[in-house]
Structure formats: C-alpha cells, structure tokens
Amino acid sequence: MKKIGFILVISLLFSYCTVQVSPGDNLAKRAISLIGTKYKYGGSSPEEGFDCSGLVYYVYKLEGYSIPRGTEAQLKAGKKLKRGFKKGDLLFFKFNGKLHVGIFIGKHHMVHASPERGVVRENLDKYWKKHFYVAVRIL
C-alpha cells in the first residue's frame, strides 16, 4: 500500500511540474536543427539550401507563423526592439547598405545563413555588434 501511495504522490508532483515551452524556444530549436545546411541565394528549404531570409521564413513557417519571405519585409513585419531580446527574435545587421537577418537563440548567440559557411551558430561578438541595425519581435 505504501508503494502505491508513493507512486501516486510522485505522479501528482510531475503533473504539476510541467515545463512550459515558449514559441521562441521552439523557433530556436528549429533553427539550431538546421545548422550545417548549405547556403543558396534565394533558397528556402533544407534540400536546396538557405539564404538568410529564407532560413527565417522556413523556420517560422514550420512553427505555423506566416511571415514575408524577404529581409526588408521581415524587418517591417514585427515590433522593433532596443533591448531585452528573446529566443526567436530576428536580429538585423547592415553590411554596405544591405540587410542580413538571423534568429536569436539566447545566451548571446544567433543562427543565420552565412554565404561562406551555410547555416551556422554565431556568437554575437564585437564584429556583429559593429554591424547591428535593429531587432524585431514577430511573436
């Protein structure tokens, strides 16, 4: 009888201790799962490869969100942020007047499609801070 009571108590504890996973957590996990995919200008699938906005479009689409395909349109699709980034937020950078986008995955990192290296995880170091333009929250 004691064994059944113990099992009942443990199962009740676990039922009350469920972990809530945010949409941003799911977006970050999806982006991380695509690391290693090749780069392809105009690409928006793992089979053909990704460019930066194609990666964002694909990850959001898999999670059930409808967002524009292009970088400029993605920039305009959400709320601009100055700080307090959360997983799943979009980070925009400017290089010679052109925009580049990545997905914030937490702890000072993003996932993006690099023309030289494909889909990679990147530390947001001084190089990225120098080119940072704006962050946008779609969710």
N, C-alpha and C. Protein backbone atom coordinates (compact mmCIF):
# COMPACT_ATOMS: atom_id res chain seq x y z
N MET A 1 0.81 -1.18 0.00
CA MET A 1 0.00 0.00 0.00
C MET A 1 0.87 1.27 0.00
N LYS A 2 1.98 1.24 0.75
CA LYS A 2 2.87 2.40 0.80
C LYS A 2 3.47 2.68 -0.58
N LYS A 3 3.79 1.64 -1.33
CA LYS A 3 4.39 1.79 -2.65
C LYS A 3 3.41 2.49 -3.60
N ILE A 4 2.13 2.13 -3.57
CA ILE A 4 1.13 2.75 -4.42
C ILE A 4 0.96 4.22 -4.05
N GLY A 5 0.93 4.53 -2.76
CA GLY A 5 0.82 5.92 -2.30
C GLY A 5 2.00 6.76 -2.76
N PHE A 6 3.21 6.20 -2.68
CA PHE A 6 4.41 6.89 -3.12
C PHE A 6 4.35 7.18 -4.61
N ILE A 7 3.95 6.20 -5.39
CA ILE A 7 3.85 6.37 -6.84
C ILE A 7 2.79 7.43 -7.17
N LEU A 8 1.70 7.42 -6.46
CA LEU A 8 0.65 8.42 -6.68
C LEU A 8 1.16 9.83 -6.38
N VAL A 9 1.87 10.00 -5.30
CA VAL A 9 2.42 11.31 -4.93
C VAL A 9 3.42 11.78 -5.99
N ILE A 10 4.29 10.90 -6.42
CA ILE A 10 5.29 11.26 -7.43
C ILE A 10 4.59 11.65 -8.74
N SER A 11 3.61 10.89 -9.17
CA SER A 11 2.93 11.22 -10.43
C SER A 11 2.18 12.55 -10.32
N LEU A 12 1.62 12.84 -9.17
CA LEU A 12 0.96 14.13 -8.98
C LEU A 12 1.96 15.28 -9.02
N LEU A 13 3.12 15.09 -8.41
CA LEU A 13 4.16 16.12 -8.46
C LEU A 13 4.58 16.40 -9.89
N PHE A 14 4.79 15.36 -10.68
CA PHE A 14 5.21 15.54 -12.06
C PHE A 14 4.12 16.21 -12.89
N SER A 15 2.87 15.92 -12.61
CA SER A 15 1.79 16.55 -13.37
C SER A 15 1.71 18.04 -13.09
N TYR A 16 2.13 18.48 -11.90
CA TYR A 16 2.12 19.91 -11.56
C TYR A 16 3.41 20.61 -11.97
N CYS A 17 4.41 19.88 -12.33
CA CYS A 17 5.72 20.46 -12.65
C CYS A 17 6.00 20.43 -14.14
N THR A 18 4.98 20.56 -14.96
CA THR A 18 5.21 20.56 -16.39
C THR A 18 5.93 21.84 -16.79
N VAL A 19 6.82 21.73 -17.73
CA VAL A 19 7.60 22.86 -18.20
C VAL A 19 6.90 23.48 -19.40
N GLN A 20 6.67 24.77 -19.32
CA GLN A 20 6.08 25.48 -20.43
C GLN A 20 7.18 25.84 -21.43
N VAL A 21 6.98 25.48 -22.68
CA VAL A 21 7.93 25.81 -23.73
C VAL A 21 7.34 26.96 -24.52
N SER A 22 8.08 28.03 -24.64
CA SER A 22 7.59 29.21 -25.35
C SER A 22 7.74 29.02 -26.86
N PRO A 23 6.96 29.77 -27.64
CA PRO A 23 7.12 29.71 -29.10
C PRO A 23 8.55 30.05 -29.52
N GLY A 24 9.17 30.99 -28.80
CA GLY A 24 10.56 31.35 -29.10
C GLY A 24 11.53 30.20 -28.89
N ASP A 25 11.29 29.38 -27.85
CA ASP A 25 12.13 28.20 -27.62
C ASP A 25 12.03 27.25 -28.81
N ASN A 26 10.81 27.05 -29.29
CA ASN A 26 10.61 26.15 -30.43
C ASN A 26 11.28 26.69 -31.69
N LEU A 27 11.18 28.00 -31.92
CA LEU A 27 11.84 28.60 -33.08
C LEU A 27 13.35 28.42 -32.98
N ALA A 28 13.90 28.65 -31.79
CA ALA A 28 15.35 28.49 -31.60
C ALA A 28 15.78 27.05 -31.87
N LYS A 29 15.02 26.08 -31.36
CA LYS A 29 15.35 24.66 -31.58
C LYS A 29 15.30 24.31 -33.06
N ARG A 30 14.28 24.81 -33.76
CA ARG A 30 14.18 24.55 -35.21
C ARG A 30 15.39 25.13 -35.94
N ALA A 31 15.75 26.36 -35.59
CA ALA A 31 16.90 26.99 -36.25
C ALA A 31 18.17 26.19 -35.99
N ILE A 32 18.38 25.79 -34.75
CA ILE A 32 19.57 25.01 -34.39
C ILE A 32 19.61 23.69 -35.15
N SER A 33 18.46 23.08 -35.35
CA SER A 33 18.41 21.79 -36.06
C SER A 33 18.84 21.91 -37.52
N LEU A 34 18.87 23.12 -38.05
CA LEU A 34 19.24 23.32 -39.45
C LEU A 34 20.71 23.70 -39.64
N ILE A 35 21.45 23.79 -38.54
CA ILE A 35 22.88 24.09 -38.64
C ILE A 35 23.55 23.04 -39.51
N GLY A 36 24.39 23.51 -40.43
CA GLY A 36 25.07 22.61 -41.35
C GLY A 36 24.44 22.58 -42.73
N THR A 37 23.24 23.13 -42.87
CA THR A 37 22.60 23.19 -44.19
C THR A 37 23.37 24.17 -45.06
N LYS A 38 23.50 23.86 -46.33
CA LYS A 38 24.29 24.71 -47.24
C LYS A 38 23.59 26.04 -47.52
N TYR A 39 24.37 26.99 -47.99
CA TYR A 39 23.86 28.30 -48.38
C TYR A 39 23.45 28.24 -49.84
N LYS A 40 22.33 28.90 -50.14
CA LYS A 40 21.89 29.04 -51.53
C LYS A 40 21.14 30.36 -51.63
N TYR A 41 21.65 31.27 -52.44
CA TYR A 41 20.98 32.54 -52.63
C TYR A 41 19.57 32.27 -53.16
N GLY A 42 18.55 32.83 -52.49
CA GLY A 42 17.16 32.62 -52.88
C GLY A 42 16.57 31.33 -52.34
N GLY A 43 17.37 30.54 -51.62
CA GLY A 43 16.92 29.24 -51.12
C GLY A 43 16.08 29.35 -49.86
N SER A 44 15.08 28.47 -49.75
CA SER A 44 14.23 28.50 -48.56
C SER A 44 13.79 27.10 -48.14
N SER A 45 14.69 26.12 -48.34
CA SER A 45 14.40 24.76 -47.86
C SER A 45 15.72 24.05 -47.58
N PRO A 46 15.67 23.04 -46.71
CA PRO A 46 16.92 22.30 -46.41
C PRO A 46 17.47 21.57 -47.63
N GLU A 47 16.59 21.18 -48.53
CA GLU A 47 17.03 20.45 -49.72
C GLU A 47 17.82 21.33 -50.68
N GLU A 48 17.36 22.55 -50.89
CA GLU A 48 18.06 23.43 -51.82
C GLU A 48 19.09 24.31 -51.13
N GLY A 49 18.93 24.54 -49.83
CA GLY A 49 19.79 25.45 -49.08
C GLY A 49 19.03 26.71 -48.73
N PHE A 50 19.66 27.56 -47.94
CA PHE A 50 19.01 28.77 -47.45
C PHE A 50 19.86 30.00 -47.70
N ASP A 51 19.18 31.12 -47.96
CA ASP A 51 19.82 32.40 -47.73
C ASP A 51 19.27 32.90 -46.39
N CYS A 52 19.69 34.07 -45.94
CA CYS A 52 19.33 34.47 -44.58
C CYS A 52 17.83 34.60 -44.36
N SER A 53 17.14 35.29 -45.26
CA SER A 53 15.70 35.47 -45.07
C SER A 53 14.93 34.19 -45.36
N GLY A 54 15.47 33.35 -46.22
CA GLY A 54 14.85 32.05 -46.49
C GLY A 54 14.87 31.14 -45.28
N LEU A 55 15.95 31.18 -44.52
CA LEU A 55 16.05 30.41 -43.28
C LEU A 55 14.99 30.89 -42.29
N VAL A 56 14.88 32.20 -42.10
CA VAL A 56 13.90 32.77 -41.17
C VAL A 56 12.49 32.39 -41.62
N TYR A 57 12.21 32.55 -42.89
CA TYR A 57 10.90 32.21 -43.44
C TYR A 57 10.54 30.75 -43.18
N TYR A 58 11.48 29.86 -43.45
CA TYR A 58 11.26 28.42 -43.28
C TYR A 58 11.02 28.05 -41.82
N VAL A 59 11.86 28.54 -40.93
CA VAL A 59 11.73 28.22 -39.50
C VAL A 59 10.39 28.71 -38.96
N TYR A 60 10.02 29.92 -39.28
CA TYR A 60 8.73 30.45 -38.81
C TYR A 60 7.56 29.67 -39.41
N LYS A 61 7.68 29.32 -40.68
CA LYS A 61 6.61 28.56 -41.35
C LYS A 61 6.41 27.20 -40.68
N LEU A 62 7.50 26.52 -40.33
CA LEU A 62 7.39 25.22 -39.65
C LEU A 62 6.67 25.33 -38.32
N GLU A 63 6.78 26.46 -37.67
CA GLU A 63 6.13 26.67 -36.37
C GLU A 63 4.73 27.28 -36.52
N GLY A 64 4.27 27.42 -37.78
CA GLY A 64 2.91 27.87 -38.02
C GLY A 64 2.72 29.37 -38.15
N TYR A 65 3.80 30.10 -38.34
CA TYR A 65 3.71 31.56 -38.47
C TYR A 65 3.90 31.95 -39.92
N SER A 66 3.07 32.86 -40.38
CA SER A 66 3.15 33.36 -41.74
C SER A 66 3.88 34.70 -41.71
N ILE A 67 5.09 34.71 -42.25
CA ILE A 67 5.85 35.96 -42.33
C ILE A 67 6.33 36.14 -43.76
N PRO A 68 6.69 37.35 -44.15
CA PRO A 68 7.17 37.59 -45.51
C PRO A 68 8.48 36.85 -45.79
N ARG A 69 8.80 36.71 -47.05
CA ARG A 69 9.99 35.97 -47.46
C ARG A 69 11.25 36.84 -47.47
N GLY A 70 11.16 38.09 -47.83
CA GLY A 70 12.34 38.94 -47.99
C GLY A 70 12.78 39.64 -46.71
N THR A 71 14.05 40.00 -46.66
CA THR A 71 14.63 40.63 -45.47
C THR A 71 13.96 41.96 -45.15
N GLU A 72 13.79 42.82 -46.15
CA GLU A 72 13.15 44.14 -45.92
C GLU A 72 11.75 43.95 -45.36
N ALA A 73 11.00 43.03 -45.94
CA ALA A 73 9.62 42.80 -45.49
C ALA A 73 9.59 42.19 -44.09
N GLN A 74 10.55 41.31 -43.79
CA GLN A 74 10.63 40.72 -42.45
C GLN A 74 10.93 41.80 -41.41
N LEU A 75 11.75 42.75 -41.77
CA LEU A 75 12.08 43.86 -40.88
C LEU A 75 10.82 44.65 -40.50
N LYS A 76 9.92 44.82 -41.45
CA LYS A 76 8.70 45.61 -41.24
C LYS A 76 7.57 44.80 -40.61
N ALA A 77 7.75 43.49 -40.48
CA ALA A 77 6.66 42.60 -40.06
C ALA A 77 6.43 42.54 -38.55
N GLY A 78 7.36 43.05 -37.78
CA GLY A 78 7.22 42.92 -36.32
C GLY A 78 7.48 44.22 -35.59
N LYS A 79 7.57 44.10 -34.29
CA LYS A 79 7.81 45.24 -33.41
C LYS A 79 9.32 45.41 -33.21
N LYS A 80 9.82 46.61 -33.43
CA LYS A 80 11.24 46.88 -33.26
C LYS A 80 11.59 46.92 -31.78
N LEU A 81 12.76 46.36 -31.46
CA LEU A 81 13.23 46.26 -30.08
C LEU A 81 14.55 47.00 -29.92
N LYS A 82 14.77 47.54 -28.76
CA LYS A 82 16.06 48.16 -28.47
C LYS A 82 16.92 47.25 -27.60
N ARG A 83 16.25 46.47 -26.74
CA ARG A 83 16.97 45.54 -25.86
C ARG A 83 15.99 44.49 -25.36
N GLY A 84 16.48 43.56 -24.55
CA GLY A 84 15.61 42.53 -24.00
C GLY A 84 15.21 41.49 -25.01
N PHE A 85 16.16 41.07 -25.84
CA PHE A 85 15.84 40.09 -26.88
C PHE A 85 15.45 38.75 -26.27
N LYS A 86 14.52 38.08 -26.93
CA LYS A 86 14.08 36.75 -26.52
C LYS A 86 14.33 35.77 -27.67
N LYS A 87 14.39 34.49 -27.31
CA LYS A 87 14.57 33.47 -28.33
C LYS A 87 13.50 33.63 -29.40
N GLY A 88 13.93 33.52 -30.65
CA GLY A 88 13.02 33.66 -31.77
C GLY A 88 12.96 35.05 -32.36
N ASP A 89 13.49 36.05 -31.65
CA ASP A 89 13.53 37.40 -32.20
C ASP A 89 14.47 37.43 -33.41
N LEU A 90 14.18 38.34 -34.33
CA LEU A 90 15.01 38.49 -35.52
C LEU A 90 16.01 39.61 -35.29
N LEU A 91 17.26 39.34 -35.62
CA LEU A 91 18.33 40.33 -35.50
C LEU A 91 18.76 40.74 -36.90
N PHE A 92 18.77 42.04 -37.14
CA PHE A 92 19.13 42.56 -38.45
C PHE A 92 20.46 43.30 -38.37
N PHE A 93 21.26 43.11 -39.40
CA PHE A 93 22.58 43.71 -39.49
C PHE A 93 22.69 44.39 -40.84
N LYS A 94 23.53 45.43 -40.91
CA LYS A 94 23.76 46.14 -42.17
C LYS A 94 25.22 45.99 -42.57
N PHE A 95 25.40 45.59 -43.82
CA PHE A 95 26.73 45.46 -44.41
C PHE A 95 26.69 46.17 -45.75
N ASN A 96 27.44 47.25 -45.87
CA ASN A 96 27.48 48.02 -47.11
C ASN A 96 26.08 48.36 -47.62
N GLY A 97 25.21 48.74 -46.71
CA GLY A 97 23.85 49.14 -47.07
C GLY A 97 22.87 48.01 -47.28
N LYS A 98 23.34 46.76 -47.21
CA LYS A 98 22.46 45.60 -47.40
C LYS A 98 22.13 44.96 -46.06
N LEU A 99 20.90 44.48 -45.92
CA LEU A 99 20.46 43.85 -44.69
C LEU A 99 20.76 42.36 -44.65
N HIS A 100 21.04 41.88 -43.45
CA HIS A 100 21.24 40.45 -43.18
C HIS A 100 20.44 40.15 -41.92
N VAL A 101 19.81 38.96 -41.85
CA VAL A 101 18.97 38.62 -40.71
C VAL A 101 19.37 37.26 -40.13
N GLY A 102 19.24 37.17 -38.81
CA GLY A 102 19.46 35.91 -38.10
C GLY A 102 18.41 35.76 -37.02
N ILE A 103 18.33 34.56 -36.44
CA ILE A 103 17.36 34.26 -35.39
C ILE A 103 18.10 34.17 -34.06
N PHE A 104 17.68 34.98 -33.10
CA PHE A 104 18.28 34.96 -31.77
C PHE A 104 17.89 33.66 -31.08
N ILE A 105 18.89 32.93 -30.55
CA ILE A 105 18.62 31.65 -29.89
C ILE A 105 18.96 31.69 -28.40
N GLY A 106 19.30 32.86 -27.89
CA GLY A 106 19.60 33.01 -26.47
C GLY A 106 21.08 32.99 -26.18
N LYS A 107 21.42 33.41 -24.97
CA LYS A 107 22.80 33.41 -24.47
C LYS A 107 23.80 34.01 -25.46
N HIS A 108 23.44 35.17 -26.01
CA HIS A 108 24.36 35.92 -26.86
C HIS A 108 24.72 35.19 -28.17
N HIS A 109 23.78 34.38 -28.69
CA HIS A 109 24.02 33.65 -29.94
C HIS A 109 22.83 33.79 -30.90
N MET A 110 23.12 33.61 -32.16
CA MET A 110 22.08 33.56 -33.19
C MET A 110 22.41 32.43 -34.16
N VAL A 111 21.42 32.05 -34.95
CA VAL A 111 21.61 31.14 -36.07
C VAL A 111 21.27 31.94 -37.32
N HIS A 112 22.12 31.84 -38.33
CA HIS A 112 21.87 32.55 -39.59
C HIS A 112 22.49 31.77 -40.74
N ALA A 113 22.15 32.18 -41.95
CA ALA A 113 22.70 31.54 -43.15
C ALA A 113 23.84 32.42 -43.68
N SER A 114 25.03 31.91 -43.54
CA SER A 114 26.23 32.62 -43.99
C SER A 114 26.56 32.19 -45.43
N PRO A 115 26.78 33.16 -46.33
CA PRO A 115 27.13 32.79 -47.71
C PRO A 115 28.39 31.92 -47.80
N GLU A 116 29.31 32.10 -46.87
CA GLU A 116 30.56 31.33 -46.90
C GLU A 116 30.46 29.98 -46.20
N ARG A 117 29.60 29.88 -45.16
CA ARG A 117 29.62 28.67 -44.32
C ARG A 117 28.28 27.95 -44.20
N GLY A 118 27.23 28.46 -44.82
CA GLY A 118 25.91 27.85 -44.69
C GLY A 118 25.27 28.25 -43.37
N VAL A 119 24.35 27.45 -42.89
CA VAL A 119 23.64 27.76 -41.65
C VAL A 119 24.56 27.46 -40.48
N VAL A 120 24.81 28.49 -39.66
CA VAL A 120 25.74 28.38 -38.55
C VAL A 120 25.19 29.06 -37.30
N ARG A 121 25.75 28.65 -36.17
CA ARG A 121 25.50 29.31 -34.88
C ARG A 121 26.63 30.32 -34.71
N GLU A 122 26.27 31.52 -34.28
CA GLU A 122 27.25 32.59 -34.21
C GLU A 122 27.16 33.30 -32.86
N ASN A 123 28.32 33.55 -32.27
CA ASN A 123 28.39 34.36 -31.06
C ASN A 123 28.27 35.82 -31.49
N LEU A 124 27.45 36.57 -30.79
CA LEU A 124 27.25 37.98 -31.14
C LEU A 124 28.37 38.83 -30.55
N ASP A 125 29.53 38.69 -31.13
CA ASP A 125 30.74 39.36 -30.65
C ASP A 125 30.84 40.79 -31.21
N LYS A 126 32.01 41.38 -31.07
CA LYS A 126 32.23 42.76 -31.50
C LYS A 126 31.93 42.97 -32.98
N TYR A 127 32.27 41.98 -33.80
CA TYR A 127 32.02 42.09 -35.24
C TYR A 127 30.53 42.30 -35.50
N TRP A 128 29.70 41.48 -34.88
CA TRP A 128 28.26 41.57 -35.09
C TRP A 128 27.69 42.84 -34.44
N LYS A 129 28.20 43.22 -33.29
CA LYS A 129 27.73 44.45 -32.64
C LYS A 129 28.01 45.67 -33.52
N LYS A 130 29.14 45.65 -34.19
CA LYS A 130 29.52 46.75 -35.07
C LYS A 130 28.52 46.93 -36.21
N HIS A 131 27.95 45.84 -36.69
CA HIS A 131 27.04 45.89 -37.83
C HIS A 131 25.57 45.79 -37.45
N PHE A 132 25.28 45.70 -36.16
CA PHE A 132 23.89 45.55 -35.71
C PHE A 132 23.05 46.75 -36.15
N TYR A 133 21.86 46.46 -36.64
CA TYR A 133 20.95 47.50 -37.10
C TYR A 133 19.72 47.61 -36.19
N VAL A 134 18.97 46.51 -36.05
CA VAL A 134 17.78 46.51 -35.21
C VAL A 134 17.33 45.07 -34.96
N ALA A 135 16.58 44.89 -33.89
CA ALA A 135 15.95 43.59 -33.62
C ALA A 135 14.44 43.76 -33.76
N VAL A 136 13.79 42.68 -34.16
CA VAL A 136 12.35 42.71 -34.38
C VAL A 136 11.73 41.48 -33.73
N ARG A 137 10.60 41.70 -33.05
CA ARG A 137 9.85 40.57 -32.46
C ARG A 137 8.60 40.36 -33.29
N ILE A 138 8.49 39.16 -33.85
CA ILE A 138 7.32 38.80 -34.66
C ILE A 138 6.22 38.24 -33.76
N LEU A 139 6.59 37.45 -32.75
CA LEU A 139 5.61 36.75 -31.91
C LEU A 139 4.84 37.68 -31.01
